[in-house]
Amino acid sequence: MEFLFTIFGKKKTSQEILQENQRALSRLIRELDRERNHLVQQEWKITADIKRTAMQGQQVKEAVKTMAKDLVRTRGNIRRVTIARANIQAVAMKLHTVGSIASMAQAMNGVTKAMTAMNQQLKLPEIQKIMMDFERQSDIMNMKEEMMNDAIDDVMGDDDEEESDAIVAQVLDELGLQLKDQLAGLPSTGIGSVANSAGPTRKAVLDNSDADLEARLENLRRA
């Protein structure tokens, strides 16, 4: 056979043979469908003829019996054609399944070859060396970044700290002045001897408040 294929043409692949068989089965199924439709129409015609002839009376009884036998044969042919079509359809489905399995096997074969080639190219010691080099270079980069950040902080840190101290001092001074103004604006009692007797006590309280306020402001400046 291979010699004949060599003489008369290229040898067909399994996929081409499968496609040819599928096309042949499809044509056969279409022919059976046409035959069944023809038989169904014939069945309808015979049934109508039987009804029309039976209405004529007893003299056509033999003719009706003959047509009834013909109807039985027609229905038997319809059943046989339907069974044959179902069997051919089952064969076509099996053939399609076989083709799908063959295609899947061919695809898996290609994937296996590709994976084999990739595994041959990817060598584990080289990959480990690459990962170690990457980790080392990453550590060096992080170290250089920290050194650059420290250098920038050394250059810019004093100015920022002086500016921050100035802002804090200004805020504290403003708060101190506001508190002093509030304490100075407290109302005084003008009730004769009671006011005179309460004067030293009120003065002592104000002195203690001022001293406490000054101590807090001094602590904040030192911080």
N, C-alpha and C. Protein backbone atom coordinates (compact mmCIF):
# COMPACT_ATOMS: atom_id res chain seq x y z
N MET A 1 0.82 -1.20 0.00
CA MET A 1 0.00 0.00 0.00
C MET A 1 0.85 1.25 0.00
N GLU A 2 1.91 1.27 0.81
CA GLU A 2 2.78 2.43 0.82
C GLU A 2 3.42 2.64 -0.55
N PHE A 3 3.71 1.54 -1.26
CA PHE A 3 4.28 1.66 -2.60
C PHE A 3 3.27 2.33 -3.54
N LEU A 4 1.98 1.93 -3.42
CA LEU A 4 0.95 2.54 -4.27
C LEU A 4 0.78 4.02 -3.93
N PHE A 5 0.80 4.35 -2.63
CA PHE A 5 0.70 5.74 -2.24
C PHE A 5 1.87 6.54 -2.80
N THR A 6 3.06 5.93 -2.81
CA THR A 6 4.23 6.62 -3.33
C THR A 6 4.07 6.90 -4.82
N ILE A 7 3.43 5.97 -5.55
CA ILE A 7 3.28 6.15 -7.00
C ILE A 7 2.18 7.15 -7.32
N PHE A 8 1.01 6.98 -6.70
CA PHE A 8 -0.17 7.74 -7.11
C PHE A 8 -0.38 9.02 -6.29
N GLY A 9 0.36 9.23 -5.29
CA GLY A 9 0.19 10.46 -4.52
C GLY A 9 0.72 10.33 -3.11
N LYS A 10 0.59 11.46 -2.40
CA LYS A 10 1.08 11.50 -1.03
C LYS A 10 0.19 10.68 -0.11
N LYS A 11 0.80 10.04 0.85
CA LYS A 11 0.05 9.25 1.81
C LYS A 11 -0.79 10.17 2.69
N LYS A 12 -2.05 9.81 2.88
CA LYS A 12 -2.96 10.62 3.66
C LYS A 12 -2.70 10.45 5.15
N THR A 13 -2.86 11.55 5.84
CA THR A 13 -2.70 11.49 7.30
C THR A 13 -3.97 10.95 7.94
N SER A 14 -3.84 10.58 9.20
CA SER A 14 -5.00 10.06 9.93
C SER A 14 -6.10 11.11 10.05
N GLN A 15 -5.72 12.38 10.18
CA GLN A 15 -6.71 13.44 10.27
C GLN A 15 -7.48 13.58 8.97
N GLU A 16 -6.80 13.48 7.83
CA GLU A 16 -7.48 13.57 6.53
C GLU A 16 -8.42 12.39 6.33
N ILE A 17 -7.98 11.19 6.70
CA ILE A 17 -8.85 10.01 6.58
C ILE A 17 -10.09 10.17 7.47
N LEU A 18 -9.88 10.70 8.67
CA LEU A 18 -11.00 10.90 9.59
C LEU A 18 -12.00 11.89 9.01
N GLN A 19 -11.52 12.96 8.44
CA GLN A 19 -12.42 13.96 7.84
C GLN A 19 -13.19 13.38 6.66
N GLU A 20 -12.53 12.58 5.84
CA GLU A 20 -13.23 11.96 4.71
C GLU A 20 -14.35 11.04 5.19
N ASN A 21 -14.07 10.23 6.21
CA ASN A 21 -15.10 9.34 6.74
C ASN A 21 -16.26 10.12 7.35
N GLN A 22 -15.95 11.21 8.02
CA GLN A 22 -17.01 12.04 8.59
C GLN A 22 -17.89 12.64 7.50
N ARG A 23 -17.27 13.11 6.43
CA ARG A 23 -18.06 13.65 5.32
C ARG A 23 -18.93 12.57 4.68
N ALA A 24 -18.39 11.36 4.53
CA ALA A 24 -19.17 10.26 3.94
C ALA A 24 -20.37 9.92 4.82
N LEU A 25 -20.17 9.86 6.12
CA LEU A 25 -21.28 9.57 7.02
C LEU A 25 -22.33 10.68 6.99
N SER A 26 -21.88 11.91 6.90
CA SER A 26 -22.83 13.03 6.83
C SER A 26 -23.68 12.94 5.56
N ARG A 27 -23.04 12.60 4.43
CA ARG A 27 -23.81 12.44 3.20
C ARG A 27 -24.82 11.31 3.32
N LEU A 28 -24.42 10.20 3.93
CA LEU A 28 -25.33 9.07 4.09
C LEU A 28 -26.51 9.42 4.98
N ILE A 29 -26.26 10.19 6.03
CA ILE A 29 -27.35 10.62 6.92
C ILE A 29 -28.33 11.51 6.17
N ARG A 30 -27.82 12.41 5.33
CA ARG A 30 -28.72 13.28 4.55
C ARG A 30 -29.56 12.46 3.56
N GLU A 31 -28.95 11.45 2.94
CA GLU A 31 -29.71 10.59 2.02
C GLU A 31 -30.81 9.83 2.76
N LEU A 32 -30.50 9.32 3.95
CA LEU A 32 -31.51 8.61 4.73
C LEU A 32 -32.64 9.55 5.16
N ASP A 33 -32.30 10.80 5.48
CA ASP A 33 -33.34 11.76 5.83
C ASP A 33 -34.27 12.01 4.64
N ARG A 34 -33.68 12.15 3.45
CA ARG A 34 -34.53 12.35 2.26
C ARG A 34 -35.41 11.13 2.01
N GLU A 35 -34.84 9.92 2.16
CA GLU A 35 -35.63 8.70 1.96
C GLU A 35 -36.76 8.60 2.98
N ARG A 36 -36.50 8.93 4.20
CA ARG A 36 -37.55 8.87 5.23
C ARG A 36 -38.66 9.87 4.93
N ASN A 37 -38.29 11.08 4.52
CA ASN A 37 -39.31 12.07 4.18
C ASN A 37 -40.18 11.59 3.02
N HIS A 38 -39.54 10.96 2.04
CA HIS A 38 -40.30 10.42 0.91
C HIS A 38 -41.26 9.33 1.37
N LEU A 39 -40.82 8.45 2.25
CA LEU A 39 -41.68 7.38 2.75
C LEU A 39 -42.83 7.93 3.59
N VAL A 40 -42.56 8.96 4.37
CA VAL A 40 -43.62 9.57 5.18
C VAL A 40 -44.69 10.18 4.28
N GLN A 41 -44.26 10.86 3.22
CA GLN A 41 -45.24 11.41 2.28
C GLN A 41 -46.05 10.30 1.60
N GLN A 42 -45.37 9.20 1.27
CA GLN A 42 -46.07 8.06 0.66
C GLN A 42 -47.08 7.47 1.64
N GLU A 43 -46.71 7.42 2.93
CA GLU A 43 -47.63 6.91 3.94
C GLU A 43 -48.89 7.76 4.02
N TRP A 44 -48.70 9.08 4.01
CA TRP A 44 -49.85 9.96 4.05
C TRP A 44 -50.76 9.76 2.82
N LYS A 45 -50.15 9.58 1.67
CA LYS A 45 -50.91 9.40 0.44
C LYS A 45 -51.71 8.09 0.46
N ILE A 46 -51.04 7.01 0.92
CA ILE A 46 -51.74 5.72 0.98
C ILE A 46 -52.89 5.78 1.98
N THR A 47 -52.66 6.43 3.10
CA THR A 47 -53.73 6.55 4.11
C THR A 47 -54.92 7.30 3.55
N ALA A 48 -54.64 8.38 2.82
CA ALA A 48 -55.74 9.14 2.22
C ALA A 48 -56.48 8.32 1.17
N ASP A 49 -55.72 7.52 0.37
CA ASP A 49 -56.35 6.68 -0.65
C ASP A 49 -57.23 5.61 -0.01
N ILE A 50 -56.76 5.05 1.10
CA ILE A 50 -57.56 4.03 1.78
C ILE A 50 -58.87 4.63 2.27
N LYS A 51 -58.83 5.79 2.87
CA LYS A 51 -60.06 6.42 3.37
C LYS A 51 -61.02 6.74 2.22
N ARG A 52 -60.46 7.27 1.14
CA ARG A 52 -61.31 7.64 0.01
C ARG A 52 -61.93 6.41 -0.65
N THR A 53 -61.16 5.32 -0.79
CA THR A 53 -61.66 4.10 -1.42
C THR A 53 -62.67 3.39 -0.53
N ALA A 54 -62.46 3.38 0.77
CA ALA A 54 -63.37 2.69 1.69
C ALA A 54 -64.76 3.31 1.67
N MET A 55 -64.85 4.58 1.33
CA MET A 55 -66.14 5.24 1.29
C MET A 55 -67.00 4.77 0.11
N GLN A 56 -66.42 4.02 -0.83
CA GLN A 56 -67.16 3.59 -2.01
C GLN A 56 -67.99 2.32 -1.77
N GLY A 57 -67.78 1.59 -0.66
CA GLY A 57 -68.62 0.45 -0.36
C GLY A 57 -67.87 -0.86 -0.39
N GLN A 58 -68.62 -1.96 -0.33
CA GLN A 58 -68.07 -3.30 -0.23
C GLN A 58 -67.37 -3.75 -1.51
N GLN A 59 -67.69 -3.19 -2.64
CA GLN A 59 -67.13 -3.66 -3.90
C GLN A 59 -65.65 -3.35 -4.03
N VAL A 60 -65.14 -2.49 -3.21
CA VAL A 60 -63.71 -2.13 -3.28
C VAL A 60 -62.96 -2.66 -2.07
N LYS A 61 -63.49 -3.66 -1.40
CA LYS A 61 -62.87 -4.19 -0.19
C LYS A 61 -61.49 -4.77 -0.46
N GLU A 62 -61.31 -5.49 -1.57
CA GLU A 62 -60.02 -6.08 -1.90
C GLU A 62 -58.97 -5.01 -2.18
N ALA A 63 -59.41 -3.96 -2.85
CA ALA A 63 -58.48 -2.86 -3.14
C ALA A 63 -58.02 -2.18 -1.86
N VAL A 64 -58.93 -2.02 -0.93
CA VAL A 64 -58.57 -1.40 0.36
C VAL A 64 -57.60 -2.30 1.11
N LYS A 65 -57.84 -3.63 1.07
CA LYS A 65 -56.95 -4.56 1.74
C LYS A 65 -55.54 -4.51 1.14
N THR A 66 -55.45 -4.41 -0.19
CA THR A 66 -54.14 -4.32 -0.85
C THR A 66 -53.42 -3.04 -0.46
N MET A 67 -54.15 -1.94 -0.44
CA MET A 67 -53.53 -0.68 -0.04
C MET A 67 -53.11 -0.70 1.43
N ALA A 68 -53.84 -1.42 2.27
CA ALA A 68 -53.47 -1.53 3.68
C ALA A 68 -52.15 -2.29 3.83
N LYS A 69 -51.97 -3.36 3.04
CA LYS A 69 -50.70 -4.07 3.06
C LYS A 69 -49.56 -3.16 2.61
N ASP A 70 -49.83 -2.37 1.57
CA ASP A 70 -48.81 -1.43 1.10
C ASP A 70 -48.46 -0.41 2.19
N LEU A 71 -49.45 0.03 2.97
CA LEU A 71 -49.21 0.97 4.07
C LEU A 71 -48.35 0.34 5.15
N VAL A 72 -48.63 -0.94 5.44
CA VAL A 72 -47.83 -1.64 6.45
C VAL A 72 -46.38 -1.74 6.01
N ARG A 73 -46.16 -2.09 4.73
CA ARG A 73 -44.78 -2.17 4.22
C ARG A 73 -44.09 -0.79 4.27
N THR A 74 -44.82 0.24 3.94
CA THR A 74 -44.25 1.60 3.98
C THR A 74 -43.84 1.99 5.39
N ARG A 75 -44.69 1.71 6.33
CA ARG A 75 -44.34 2.03 7.72
C ARG A 75 -43.16 1.20 8.21
N GLY A 76 -43.09 -0.05 7.75
CA GLY A 76 -41.91 -0.85 8.11
C GLY A 76 -40.64 -0.27 7.53
N ASN A 77 -40.72 0.22 6.29
CA ASN A 77 -39.54 0.87 5.68
C ASN A 77 -39.15 2.14 6.45
N ILE A 78 -40.13 2.87 6.90
CA ILE A 78 -39.83 4.09 7.69
C ILE A 78 -39.09 3.72 8.97
N ARG A 79 -39.55 2.65 9.66
CA ARG A 79 -38.87 2.22 10.88
C ARG A 79 -37.43 1.80 10.59
N ARG A 80 -37.24 1.03 9.53
CA ARG A 80 -35.88 0.57 9.20
C ARG A 80 -34.96 1.73 8.85
N VAL A 81 -35.47 2.69 8.07
CA VAL A 81 -34.65 3.86 7.72
C VAL A 81 -34.31 4.66 8.98
N THR A 82 -35.27 4.80 9.88
CA THR A 82 -35.02 5.56 11.11
C THR A 82 -33.96 4.87 11.97
N ILE A 83 -34.04 3.53 12.08
CA ILE A 83 -33.04 2.79 12.86
C ILE A 83 -31.66 2.88 12.21
N ALA A 84 -31.63 2.77 10.87
CA ALA A 84 -30.34 2.87 10.18
C ALA A 84 -29.72 4.25 10.38
N ARG A 85 -30.54 5.29 10.31
CA ARG A 85 -30.02 6.65 10.53
C ARG A 85 -29.47 6.81 11.95
N ALA A 86 -30.17 6.25 12.94
CA ALA A 86 -29.71 6.36 14.32
C ALA A 86 -28.37 5.64 14.50
N ASN A 87 -28.23 4.46 13.87
CA ASN A 87 -26.97 3.73 13.98
C ASN A 87 -25.82 4.49 13.32
N ILE A 88 -26.09 5.05 12.14
CA ILE A 88 -25.04 5.80 11.46
C ILE A 88 -24.68 7.06 12.24
N GLN A 89 -25.70 7.69 12.82
CA GLN A 89 -25.43 8.87 13.66
C GLN A 89 -24.55 8.50 14.85
N ALA A 90 -24.79 7.33 15.45
CA ALA A 90 -23.95 6.89 16.57
C ALA A 90 -22.51 6.65 16.12
N VAL A 91 -22.36 6.05 14.93
CA VAL A 91 -21.01 5.82 14.40
C VAL A 91 -20.31 7.16 14.15
N ALA A 92 -21.05 8.12 13.61
CA ALA A 92 -20.46 9.44 13.36
C ALA A 92 -20.02 10.10 14.66
N MET A 93 -20.83 9.96 15.73
CA MET A 93 -20.46 10.53 17.02
C MET A 93 -19.20 9.87 17.57
N LYS A 94 -19.12 8.54 17.43
CA LYS A 94 -17.91 7.85 17.89
C LYS A 94 -16.70 8.29 17.10
N LEU A 95 -16.88 8.47 15.81
CA LEU A 95 -15.76 8.91 14.98
C LEU A 95 -15.32 10.32 15.37
N HIS A 96 -16.29 11.15 15.66
CA HIS A 96 -15.96 12.51 16.11
C HIS A 96 -15.21 12.48 17.44
N THR A 97 -15.63 11.59 18.34
CA THR A 97 -14.94 11.45 19.63
C THR A 97 -13.51 10.98 19.43
N VAL A 98 -13.34 10.02 18.53
CA VAL A 98 -11.98 9.53 18.24
C VAL A 98 -11.12 10.66 17.69
N GLY A 99 -11.71 11.47 16.80
CA GLY A 99 -10.95 12.61 16.26
C GLY A 99 -10.56 13.60 17.33
N SER A 100 -11.48 13.86 18.25
CA SER A 100 -11.17 14.79 19.34
C SER A 100 -10.04 14.24 20.22
N ILE A 101 -10.10 12.95 20.50
CA ILE A 101 -9.04 12.34 21.33
C ILE A 101 -7.70 12.40 20.60
N ALA A 102 -7.73 12.14 19.28
CA ALA A 102 -6.49 12.21 18.50
C ALA A 102 -5.93 13.62 18.49
N SER A 103 -6.80 14.62 18.34
CA SER A 103 -6.34 16.02 18.36
C SER A 103 -5.75 16.38 19.72
N MET A 104 -6.41 15.91 20.78
CA MET A 104 -5.90 16.20 22.12
C MET A 104 -4.54 15.53 22.34
N ALA A 105 -4.41 14.29 21.86
CA ALA A 105 -3.13 13.60 22.01
C ALA A 105 -2.03 14.31 21.23
N GLN A 106 -2.38 14.79 20.04
CA GLN A 106 -1.39 15.52 19.25
C GLN A 106 -0.99 16.81 19.94
N ALA A 107 -1.97 17.51 20.50
CA ALA A 107 -1.66 18.75 21.22
C ALA A 107 -0.78 18.47 22.44
N MET A 108 -1.12 17.41 23.18
CA MET A 108 -0.31 17.06 24.35
C MET A 108 1.10 16.67 23.95
N ASN A 109 1.22 16.03 22.79
CA ASN A 109 2.56 15.69 22.31
C ASN A 109 3.38 16.95 22.04
N GLY A 110 2.73 17.95 21.40
CA GLY A 110 3.44 19.21 21.16
C GLY A 110 3.82 19.92 22.45
N VAL A 111 2.91 19.92 23.41
CA VAL A 111 3.21 20.57 24.69
C VAL A 111 4.34 19.85 25.41
N THR A 112 4.33 18.53 25.34
CA THR A 112 5.40 17.75 25.99
C THR A 112 6.75 18.07 25.38
N LYS A 113 6.80 18.17 24.05
CA LYS A 113 8.07 18.53 23.40
C LYS A 113 8.53 19.91 23.82
N ALA A 114 7.58 20.86 23.88
CA ALA A 114 7.94 22.22 24.28
C ALA A 114 8.46 22.24 25.72
N MET A 115 7.79 21.51 26.62
CA MET A 115 8.24 21.46 28.01
C MET A 115 9.61 20.80 28.12
N THR A 116 9.85 19.77 27.31
CA THR A 116 11.17 19.11 27.33
C THR A 116 12.26 20.08 26.89
N ALA A 117 11.98 20.85 25.84
CA ALA A 117 12.97 21.83 25.37
C ALA A 117 13.23 22.90 26.42
N MET A 118 12.17 23.36 27.09
CA MET A 118 12.35 24.39 28.13
C MET A 118 13.14 23.84 29.31
N ASN A 119 12.85 22.60 29.70
CA ASN A 119 13.59 22.01 30.82
C ASN A 119 15.08 21.83 30.48
N GLN A 120 15.36 21.55 29.22
CA GLN A 120 16.76 21.43 28.81
C GLN A 120 17.48 22.77 28.84
N GLN A 121 16.74 23.85 28.54
CA GLN A 121 17.35 25.17 28.53
C GLN A 121 17.50 25.75 29.93
N LEU A 122 16.53 25.46 30.81
CA LEU A 122 16.58 26.00 32.16
C LEU A 122 17.40 25.06 33.05
N LYS A 123 18.58 25.51 33.42
CA LYS A 123 19.48 24.73 34.27
C LYS A 123 19.42 25.27 35.68
N LEU A 124 19.20 24.39 36.64
CA LEU A 124 18.98 24.80 38.02
C LEU A 124 20.18 25.53 38.63
N PRO A 125 21.41 25.09 38.47
CA PRO A 125 22.53 25.84 39.06
C PRO A 125 22.62 27.27 38.54
N GLU A 126 22.38 27.45 37.23
CA GLU A 126 22.44 28.80 36.68
C GLU A 126 21.33 29.67 37.25
N ILE A 127 20.13 29.10 37.42
CA ILE A 127 19.02 29.87 38.00
C ILE A 127 19.34 30.26 39.44
N GLN A 128 19.92 29.34 40.21
CA GLN A 128 20.29 29.66 41.59
C GLN A 128 21.33 30.78 41.63
N LYS A 129 22.29 30.73 40.72
CA LYS A 129 23.31 31.78 40.67
C LYS A 129 22.68 33.13 40.33
N ILE A 130 21.74 33.12 39.39
CA ILE A 130 21.06 34.37 39.02
C ILE A 130 20.30 34.94 40.21
N MET A 131 19.59 34.09 40.96
CA MET A 131 18.84 34.56 42.10
C MET A 131 19.76 35.10 43.20
N MET A 132 20.90 34.44 43.41
CA MET A 132 21.84 34.94 44.41
C MET A 132 22.43 36.29 43.99
N ASP A 133 22.77 36.43 42.71
CA ASP A 133 23.28 37.72 42.22
C ASP A 133 22.23 38.81 42.37
N PHE A 134 20.98 38.47 42.06
CA PHE A 134 19.91 39.46 42.20
C PHE A 134 19.75 39.90 43.65
N GLU A 135 19.79 38.95 44.58
CA GLU A 135 19.65 39.29 45.99
C GLU A 135 20.81 40.16 46.46
N ARG A 136 22.05 39.83 46.02
CA ARG A 136 23.20 40.62 46.42
C ARG A 136 23.13 42.05 45.88
N GLN A 137 22.77 42.19 44.62
CA GLN A 137 22.66 43.52 44.02
C GLN A 137 21.54 44.31 44.67
N SER A 138 20.46 43.64 45.05
CA SER A 138 19.37 44.33 45.72
C SER A 138 19.82 44.86 47.08
N ASP A 139 20.59 44.06 47.83
CA ASP A 139 21.10 44.52 49.12
C ASP A 139 22.03 45.72 48.94
N ILE A 140 22.88 45.67 47.92
CA ILE A 140 23.79 46.80 47.66
C ILE A 140 23.01 48.06 47.33
N MET A 141 21.96 47.91 46.55
CA MET A 141 21.15 49.07 46.19
C MET A 141 20.45 49.65 47.41
N ASN A 142 19.94 48.79 48.28
CA ASN A 142 19.29 49.29 49.49
C ASN A 142 20.28 50.00 50.40
N MET A 143 21.50 49.49 50.49
CA MET A 143 22.52 50.13 51.32
C MET A 143 22.87 51.51 50.78
N LYS A 144 23.05 51.60 49.46
CA LYS A 144 23.36 52.90 48.86
C LYS A 144 22.22 53.89 49.05
N GLU A 145 21.00 53.39 48.97
CA GLU A 145 19.85 54.28 49.17
C GLU A 145 19.83 54.82 50.60
N GLU A 146 20.13 53.96 51.59
CA GLU A 146 20.16 54.42 52.98
C GLU A 146 21.27 55.45 53.19
N MET A 147 22.43 55.21 52.56
CA MET A 147 23.53 56.17 52.70
C MET A 147 23.16 57.52 52.09
N MET A 148 22.50 57.50 50.94
CA MET A 148 22.08 58.76 50.31
C MET A 148 21.05 59.47 51.17
N ASN A 149 20.14 58.73 51.77
CA ASN A 149 19.14 59.37 52.64
C ASN A 149 19.80 59.98 53.87
N ASP A 150 20.78 59.28 54.45
CA ASP A 150 21.49 59.84 55.61
C ASP A 150 22.24 61.11 55.23
N ALA A 151 22.89 61.10 54.04
CA ALA A 151 23.62 62.29 53.61
C ALA A 151 22.68 63.46 53.40
N ILE A 152 21.52 63.21 52.82
CA ILE A 152 20.54 64.28 52.60
C ILE A 152 20.03 64.81 53.93
N ASP A 153 19.80 63.90 54.89
CA ASP A 153 19.35 64.35 56.21
C ASP A 153 20.40 65.18 56.91
N ASP A 154 21.69 64.81 56.73
CA ASP A 154 22.76 65.59 57.35
C ASP A 154 22.83 67.00 56.78
N VAL A 155 22.58 67.13 55.47
CA VAL A 155 22.66 68.45 54.83
C VAL A 155 21.45 69.30 55.16
N MET A 156 20.28 68.70 55.11
CA MET A 156 19.05 69.45 55.27
C MET A 156 18.51 69.42 56.69
N GLY A 157 19.06 68.57 57.54
CA GLY A 157 18.46 68.38 58.87
C GLY A 157 18.60 69.58 59.76
N ASP A 158 19.77 70.29 59.79
CA ASP A 158 19.98 71.42 60.70
C ASP A 158 19.00 72.55 60.39
N ASP A 159 18.88 72.89 59.12
CA ASP A 159 17.97 73.97 58.75
C ASP A 159 16.54 73.64 59.14
N ASP A 160 16.14 72.41 58.92
CA ASP A 160 14.78 72.02 59.28
C ASP A 160 14.59 72.08 60.78
N GLU A 161 15.61 71.65 61.54
CA GLU A 161 15.48 71.65 62.99
C GLU A 161 15.42 73.08 63.54
N GLU A 162 16.28 73.98 62.99
CA GLU A 162 16.25 75.36 63.44
C GLU A 162 14.91 76.02 63.13
N GLU A 163 14.41 75.75 61.93
CA GLU A 163 13.11 76.32 61.56
C GLU A 163 12.00 75.78 62.45
N SER A 164 12.06 74.49 62.76
CA SER A 164 11.04 73.88 63.63
C SER A 164 11.10 74.48 65.03
N ASP A 165 12.36 74.68 65.54
CA ASP A 165 12.50 75.28 66.88
C ASP A 165 11.95 76.69 66.90
N ALA A 166 12.19 77.45 65.83
CA ALA A 166 11.69 78.82 65.77
C ALA A 166 10.17 78.86 65.77
N ILE A 167 9.56 77.95 65.02
CA ILE A 167 8.10 77.90 64.97
C ILE A 167 7.53 77.54 66.34
N VAL A 168 8.15 76.53 67.01
CA VAL A 168 7.68 76.13 68.33
C VAL A 168 7.81 77.28 69.33
N ALA A 169 8.95 77.98 69.28
CA ALA A 169 9.15 79.11 70.20
C ALA A 169 8.13 80.20 69.97
N GLN A 170 7.84 80.49 68.69
CA GLN A 170 6.85 81.52 68.37
C GLN A 170 5.47 81.13 68.90
N VAL A 171 5.09 79.88 68.70
CA VAL A 171 3.79 79.42 69.18
C VAL A 171 3.71 79.50 70.69
N LEU A 172 4.78 79.07 71.35
CA LEU A 172 4.78 79.11 72.82
C LEU A 172 4.72 80.54 73.34
N ASP A 173 5.44 81.46 72.69
CA ASP A 173 5.39 82.86 73.10
C ASP A 173 3.99 83.42 72.95
N GLU A 174 3.35 83.09 71.81
CA GLU A 174 1.99 83.59 71.61
C GLU A 174 1.03 83.02 72.64
N LEU A 175 1.18 81.73 72.94
CA LEU A 175 0.33 81.13 73.97
C LEU A 175 0.58 81.76 75.33
N GLY A 176 1.87 82.07 75.64
CA GLY A 176 2.19 82.69 76.91
C GLY A 176 1.57 84.06 77.04
N LEU A 177 1.66 84.85 75.99
CA LEU A 177 1.07 86.18 76.02
C LEU A 177 -0.45 86.11 76.16
N GLN A 178 -1.06 85.20 75.46
CA GLN A 178 -2.52 85.08 75.55
C GLN A 178 -2.95 84.68 76.95
N LEU A 179 -2.23 83.74 77.56
CA LEU A 179 -2.59 83.32 78.90
C LEU A 179 -2.40 84.45 79.91
N LYS A 180 -1.31 85.21 79.73
CA LYS A 180 -1.07 86.34 80.64
C LYS A 180 -2.17 87.39 80.51
N ASP A 181 -2.57 87.66 79.25
CA ASP A 181 -3.64 88.65 79.04
C ASP A 181 -4.95 88.18 79.66
N GLN A 182 -5.22 86.88 79.54
CA GLN A 182 -6.44 86.35 80.13
C GLN A 182 -6.41 86.44 81.65
N LEU A 183 -5.26 86.14 82.22
CA LEU A 183 -5.15 86.22 83.68
C LEU A 183 -5.25 87.65 84.16
N ALA A 184 -4.68 88.60 83.41
CA ALA A 184 -4.72 90.01 83.81
C ALA A 184 -6.14 90.56 83.68
N GLY A 185 -6.95 90.00 82.80
CA GLY A 185 -8.30 90.52 82.58
C GLY A 185 -9.34 89.91 83.47
N LEU A 186 -8.95 89.11 84.46
CA LEU A 186 -9.94 88.52 85.37
C LEU A 186 -10.62 89.63 86.18
N PRO A 187 -11.96 89.60 86.40
CA PRO A 187 -12.66 90.66 87.16
C PRO A 187 -12.30 90.63 88.64
N SER A 188 -12.25 91.81 89.23
CA SER A 188 -11.93 91.94 90.67
C SER A 188 -13.20 92.27 91.44
N THR A 189 -13.30 91.83 92.71
CA THR A 189 -14.48 92.10 93.56
C THR A 189 -14.29 93.43 94.26
N GLY A 190 -15.27 94.32 94.20
CA GLY A 190 -15.19 95.65 94.84
C GLY A 190 -16.09 95.76 96.03
N ILE A 191 -16.01 94.91 97.05
CA ILE A 191 -16.94 94.90 98.19
C ILE A 191 -16.16 95.18 99.46
N GLY A 192 -15.79 96.37 99.70
CA GLY A 192 -15.20 96.88 100.95
C GLY A 192 -14.16 95.99 101.56
N SER A 193 -14.40 95.59 102.83
CA SER A 193 -13.45 94.84 103.59
C SER A 193 -13.24 93.45 103.07
N VAL A 194 -14.29 92.88 102.43
CA VAL A 194 -14.17 91.54 101.89
C VAL A 194 -13.14 91.53 100.79
N ALA A 195 -13.18 92.57 99.94
CA ALA A 195 -12.20 92.68 98.85
C ALA A 195 -10.83 92.87 99.40
N ASN A 196 -10.70 93.72 100.46
CA ASN A 196 -9.37 93.96 101.01
C ASN A 196 -8.81 92.71 101.64
N SER A 197 -9.67 91.95 102.34
CA SER A 197 -9.17 90.75 103.00
C SER A 197 -8.84 89.65 101.99
N ALA A 198 -9.55 89.65 100.85
CA ALA A 198 -9.30 88.61 99.83
C ALA A 198 -8.17 88.97 98.92
N GLY A 199 -7.68 90.22 99.00
CA GLY A 199 -6.62 90.67 98.09
C GLY A 199 -5.39 89.84 98.17
N PRO A 200 -4.77 89.61 99.33
CA PRO A 200 -3.54 88.82 99.40
C PRO A 200 -3.72 87.40 98.88
N THR A 201 -4.89 86.80 99.18
CA THR A 201 -5.12 85.42 98.70
C THR A 201 -5.16 85.37 97.20
N ARG A 202 -5.90 86.32 96.58
CA ARG A 202 -5.99 86.36 95.11
C ARG A 202 -4.64 86.62 94.49
N LYS A 203 -3.84 87.46 95.07
CA LYS A 203 -2.52 87.77 94.54
C LYS A 203 -1.62 86.54 94.61
N ALA A 204 -1.74 85.80 95.70
CA ALA A 204 -0.93 84.58 95.83
C ALA A 204 -1.32 83.56 94.77
N VAL A 205 -2.64 83.42 94.51
CA VAL A 205 -3.08 82.48 93.49
C VAL A 205 -2.56 82.87 92.12
N LEU A 206 -2.62 84.17 91.80
CA LEU A 206 -2.12 84.63 90.50
C LEU A 206 -0.63 84.42 90.38
N ASP A 207 0.10 84.67 91.47
CA ASP A 207 1.55 84.46 91.42
C ASP A 207 1.87 82.99 91.18
N ASN A 208 1.13 82.10 91.84
CA ASN A 208 1.37 80.67 91.64
C ASN A 208 1.04 80.25 90.21
N SER A 209 -0.07 80.80 89.65
CA SER A 209 -0.44 80.48 88.26
C SER A 209 0.62 80.96 87.30
N ASP A 210 1.15 82.18 87.52
CA ASP A 210 2.20 82.68 86.63
C ASP A 210 3.45 81.83 86.72
N ALA A 211 3.82 81.44 87.92
CA ALA A 211 5.02 80.62 88.08
C ALA A 211 4.85 79.26 87.40
N ASP A 212 3.65 78.67 87.57
CA ASP A 212 3.40 77.38 86.92
C ASP A 212 3.42 77.51 85.40
N LEU A 213 2.84 78.58 84.89
CA LEU A 213 2.83 78.81 83.44
C LEU A 213 4.23 79.01 82.90
N GLU A 214 5.05 79.79 83.63
CA GLU A 214 6.42 80.01 83.19
C GLU A 214 7.21 78.71 83.19
N ALA A 215 6.98 77.87 84.20
CA ALA A 215 7.70 76.60 84.26
C ALA A 215 7.32 75.70 83.09
N ARG A 216 6.04 75.67 82.72
CA ARG A 216 5.60 74.84 81.58
C ARG A 216 6.17 75.36 80.27
N LEU A 217 6.19 76.67 80.11
CA LEU A 217 6.76 77.24 78.89
C LEU A 217 8.24 76.93 78.78
N GLU A 218 8.93 77.01 79.91
CA GLU A 218 10.38 76.72 79.90
C GLU A 218 10.63 75.26 79.55
N ASN A 219 9.82 74.37 80.08
CA ASN A 219 9.96 72.95 79.74
C ASN A 219 9.73 72.68 78.26
N LEU A 220 8.72 73.36 77.71
CA LEU A 220 8.45 73.19 76.28
C LEU A 220 9.59 73.71 75.43
N ARG A 221 10.18 74.84 75.84
CA ARG A 221 11.34 75.37 75.07
C ARG A 221 12.51 74.42 75.13
N ARG A 222 12.76 73.87 76.30
CA ARG A 222 13.87 72.94 76.42
C ARG A 222 13.63 71.65 75.63
N ALA A 223 12.38 71.22 75.54
CA ALA A 223 12.08 70.00 74.79
C ALA A 223 12.27 70.24 73.31
